[in-house]
């Protein structure tokens, strides 16, 4: 069973920075994509940023120029560097992994969520 261990959320003032991390555990043959989603109270879960197997990235318009997604090849840890944070960035952030098992079947895994609160 593949699990995602997230860390790095917290409370920060507007204009501040945080870095989220997400490390997958379990048997993974290959990774198709990893990404970060967020969900604010009463709203749907939306994509924040993603990185696919070829290394290309995409970002939500609201975070372009402020957030940077990256992934290590060593243990596939996913990061989200968040700078110039705004109150509207406040949400529960989830890590997402799309992968293939050695059998060839596809799988999707979600992290437990880490809270990011931007407030003065």
Protein backbone atom coordinates (compact mmCIF):
# COMPACT_ATOMS: atom_id res chain seq x y z
CA UNK A 1 0.00 0.00 0.00
CA UNK A 2 1.36 3.39 -0.99
CA UNK A 3 1.08 6.17 1.58
CA UNK A 4 2.09 9.82 1.48
CA UNK A 5 3.60 11.51 4.51
CA UNK A 6 3.15 15.29 4.51
CA UNK A 7 4.72 17.97 6.65
CA UNK A 8 5.47 21.67 6.70
CA UNK A 9 2.16 23.43 7.21
CA UNK A 10 1.56 26.06 9.85
CA UNK A 11 0.61 29.62 10.64
CA UNK A 12 2.40 32.42 8.82
CA UNK A 13 1.87 36.14 8.38
CA UNK A 14 0.95 37.62 5.00
CA UNK A 15 4.05 37.95 2.86
CA UNK A 16 5.75 35.07 4.62
CA UNK A 17 6.96 31.71 3.31
CA UNK A 18 6.41 28.04 4.02
CA UNK A 19 7.68 24.83 2.46
CA UNK A 20 5.55 21.72 2.30
CA UNK A 21 7.00 18.27 1.79
CA UNK A 22 5.48 14.92 0.86
CA UNK A 23 7.30 11.59 0.88
CA UNK A 24 5.76 8.43 -0.59
CA UNK A 25 6.23 5.08 1.13
CA UNK A 26 5.44 1.64 -0.23
CA UNK A 27 5.99 -0.17 -3.48
CA UNK A 28 6.00 2.10 -6.53
CA UNK A 29 7.23 0.98 -9.93
CA UNK A 30 6.99 4.34 -11.63
CA UNK A 31 5.50 7.77 -11.03
CA UNK A 32 3.24 9.42 -13.58
CA UNK A 33 2.64 12.65 -11.71
CA UNK A 34 2.76 14.26 -8.29
CA UNK A 35 0.97 17.36 -7.23
CA UNK A 36 -0.44 19.58 -4.51
CA UNK A 37 -4.10 20.39 -4.12
CA UNK A 38 -5.83 22.62 -1.62
CA UNK A 39 -9.27 22.90 -0.15
CA UNK A 40 -10.61 25.86 1.79
CA UNK A 41 -13.70 25.50 4.01
CA UNK A 42 -16.85 25.30 1.92
CA UNK A 43 -14.94 25.10 -1.34
CA UNK A 44 -13.90 22.32 -3.70
CA UNK A 45 -10.45 20.82 -3.80
CA UNK A 46 -8.39 22.52 -6.50
CA UNK A 47 -5.03 21.85 -8.11
CA UNK A 48 -2.26 24.15 -6.90
CA UNK A 49 0.74 22.73 -8.77
CA UNK A 50 1.81 19.49 -10.40
CA UNK A 51 4.93 17.90 -11.83
CA UNK A 52 4.73 15.06 -14.34
CA UNK A 53 7.17 12.29 -15.14
CA UNK A 54 9.02 14.26 -17.81
CA UNK A 55 9.69 17.03 -15.33
CA UNK A 56 7.30 19.62 -16.70
CA UNK A 57 5.24 21.58 -14.23
CA UNK A 58 1.97 23.46 -14.19
CA UNK A 59 0.53 25.90 -11.69
CA UNK A 60 -2.79 27.45 -10.86
CA UNK A 61 -2.89 31.03 -12.09
CA UNK A 62 -3.36 32.28 -8.54
CA UNK A 63 0.03 30.95 -7.40
CA UNK A 64 2.21 31.49 -10.48
CA UNK A 65 5.35 33.39 -9.61
CA UNK A 66 4.91 32.74 -5.89
CA UNK A 67 4.93 28.95 -5.50
CA UNK A 68 7.49 26.46 -6.80
CA UNK A 69 6.98 22.71 -7.03
CA UNK A 70 9.93 20.33 -7.13
CA UNK A 71 10.73 16.67 -6.57
CA UNK A 72 13.86 14.81 -5.55
CA UNK A 73 14.91 11.77 -7.54
CA UNK A 74 16.46 10.16 -4.46
CA UNK A 75 13.27 9.25 -2.62
CA UNK A 76 10.63 11.03 -4.71
CA UNK A 77 9.94 13.60 -2.01
CA UNK A 78 7.72 16.35 -3.36
CA UNK A 79 8.11 19.94 -2.21
CA UNK A 80 6.03 23.06 -2.51
CA UNK A 81 7.89 26.27 -1.74
CA UNK A 82 5.33 28.96 -1.03
CA UNK A 83 6.47 32.59 -0.98
CA UNK A 84 4.60 35.88 -0.67
CA UNK A 85 1.72 34.08 1.00
CA UNK A 86 -1.69 35.73 1.07
CA UNK A 87 -4.69 35.17 3.34
CA UNK A 88 -6.51 33.59 0.40
CA UNK A 89 -3.87 30.84 0.35
CA UNK A 90 -5.30 29.57 3.63
CA UNK A 91 -6.46 25.99 3.12
CA UNK A 92 -5.82 22.34 3.81
CA UNK A 93 -3.13 21.25 1.38
CA UNK A 94 -3.07 17.69 0.05
CA UNK A 95 -0.32 15.80 -1.71
CA UNK A 96 -1.36 13.59 -4.64
CA UNK A 97 0.49 10.77 -6.36
CA UNK A 98 -0.39 8.96 -9.60
CA UNK A 99 1.74 5.87 -10.08
CA UNK A 100 2.08 2.45 -11.63
CA UNK A 101 2.65 -0.77 -9.71
CA UNK A 102 5.06 -3.45 -10.89
CA UNK A 103 2.03 -5.38 -12.15
CA UNK A 104 1.29 -2.51 -14.50
CA UNK A 105 -1.88 -1.38 -12.79
CA UNK A 106 -2.34 2.28 -11.98
CA UNK A 107 -2.84 3.73 -8.54
CA UNK A 108 -3.69 7.05 -6.93
CA UNK A 109 -2.79 8.05 -3.41
CA UNK A 110 -3.60 11.12 -1.28
CA UNK A 111 -1.85 12.52 1.75
CA UNK A 112 -3.65 13.26 4.98
CA UNK A 113 -3.54 17.00 4.43
CA UNK A 114 -1.54 19.73 6.12
CA UNK A 115 -3.07 23.02 7.23
CA UNK A 116 -1.69 26.31 5.95
CA UNK A 117 -3.04 29.44 7.62
CA UNK A 118 -2.01 32.91 6.48
CA UNK A 119 -3.07 35.55 8.96
CA UNK A 120 -1.75 38.54 10.82
